């Protein structure tokens, strides 16, 4: 159990260190998901992703969390 806690602690430390220097990366990934959803809607309107707008919703959530994370770091 202690091994798993140390692994996640180290993972979070490394992730926060990486994202502290790249504050716009997570919102950019979210915007990319939104654009990818638009492209899928225009090219393949009968797929699961375009009918549920899964990438759009995921992209908006990732972008908002990215802005909040950038503000905190």
Protein backbone atom coordinates (compact mmCIF):
# COMPACT_ATOMS: atom_id res chain seq x y z
CA UNK A 1 0.00 0.00 0.00
CA UNK A 2 2.84 2.36 0.82
CA UNK A 3 4.44 1.61 -2.55
CA UNK A 4 1.30 2.73 -4.41
CA UNK A 5 1.08 5.92 -2.34
CA UNK A 6 4.70 6.76 -3.10
CA UNK A 7 4.13 6.08 -6.80
CA UNK A 8 1.11 8.40 -7.00
CA UNK A 9 2.85 11.05 -4.92
CA UNK A 10 5.85 11.01 -7.23
CA UNK A 11 3.57 10.98 -10.29
CA UNK A 12 1.66 14.05 -9.05
CA UNK A 13 4.90 15.86 -8.22
CA UNK A 14 6.30 15.19 -11.68
CA UNK A 15 3.04 16.15 -13.37
CA UNK A 16 2.72 19.42 -11.48
CA UNK A 17 6.37 20.23 -12.20
CA UNK A 18 5.80 19.58 -15.92
CA UNK A 19 2.56 21.57 -16.12
CA UNK A 20 3.90 24.50 -14.10
CA UNK A 21 6.20 25.39 -16.99
CA UNK A 22 3.53 24.73 -19.65
CA UNK A 23 0.43 26.48 -18.34
CA UNK A 24 -1.40 26.59 -21.67
CA UNK A 25 -0.97 22.95 -22.60
CA UNK A 26 -4.12 21.54 -20.98
CA UNK A 27 -6.47 24.25 -22.34
CA UNK A 28 -4.87 23.77 -25.75
CA UNK A 29 -5.61 20.05 -25.60
CA UNK A 30 -9.22 20.88 -24.69
CA UNK A 31 -9.52 23.27 -27.62
CA UNK A 32 -8.05 20.59 -29.87
CA UNK A 33 -10.72 18.14 -28.75
CA UNK A 34 -13.43 20.71 -29.56
CA UNK A 35 -11.97 21.26 -33.03
CA UNK A 36 -11.66 17.51 -33.56
CA UNK A 37 -15.34 17.16 -32.66
CA UNK A 38 -16.22 19.80 -35.26
CA UNK A 39 -14.19 18.01 -37.91
CA UNK A 40 -15.86 14.69 -37.07
CA UNK A 41 -19.30 16.31 -37.23
CA UNK A 42 -18.61 17.70 -40.68
CA UNK A 43 -16.97 14.61 -42.16
CA UNK A 44 -18.74 11.67 -40.51
CA UNK A 45 -22.13 12.69 -39.08
CA UNK A 46 -23.27 9.13 -38.31
CA UNK A 47 -20.55 8.11 -35.84
CA UNK A 48 -20.86 7.66 -32.10
CA UNK A 49 -18.63 10.65 -31.35
CA UNK A 50 -20.59 13.05 -33.51
CA UNK A 51 -24.03 11.89 -32.38
CA UNK A 52 -23.18 12.23 -28.68
CA UNK A 53 -20.76 15.19 -28.97
CA UNK A 54 -18.50 13.30 -26.59
CA UNK A 55 -15.32 15.04 -27.72
CA UNK A 56 -17.01 18.46 -27.47
CA UNK A 57 -18.09 17.87 -23.90
CA UNK A 58 -14.77 16.33 -22.92
CA UNK A 59 -12.87 19.19 -24.59
CA UNK A 60 -14.83 21.86 -22.74
CA UNK A 61 -14.30 20.11 -19.40
CA UNK A 62 -10.57 19.65 -20.06
CA UNK A 63 -10.20 23.30 -21.12
CA UNK A 64 -11.99 24.62 -18.02
CA UNK A 65 -9.93 22.40 -15.74
CA UNK A 66 -6.81 23.50 -17.58
CA UNK A 67 -7.57 27.17 -16.98
CA UNK A 68 -8.24 26.48 -13.29
CA UNK A 69 -5.05 24.45 -13.02
CA UNK A 70 -2.99 27.12 -14.75
CA UNK A 71 -4.34 29.71 -12.33
CA UNK A 72 -3.43 27.53 -9.34
CA UNK A 73 0.09 26.77 -10.57
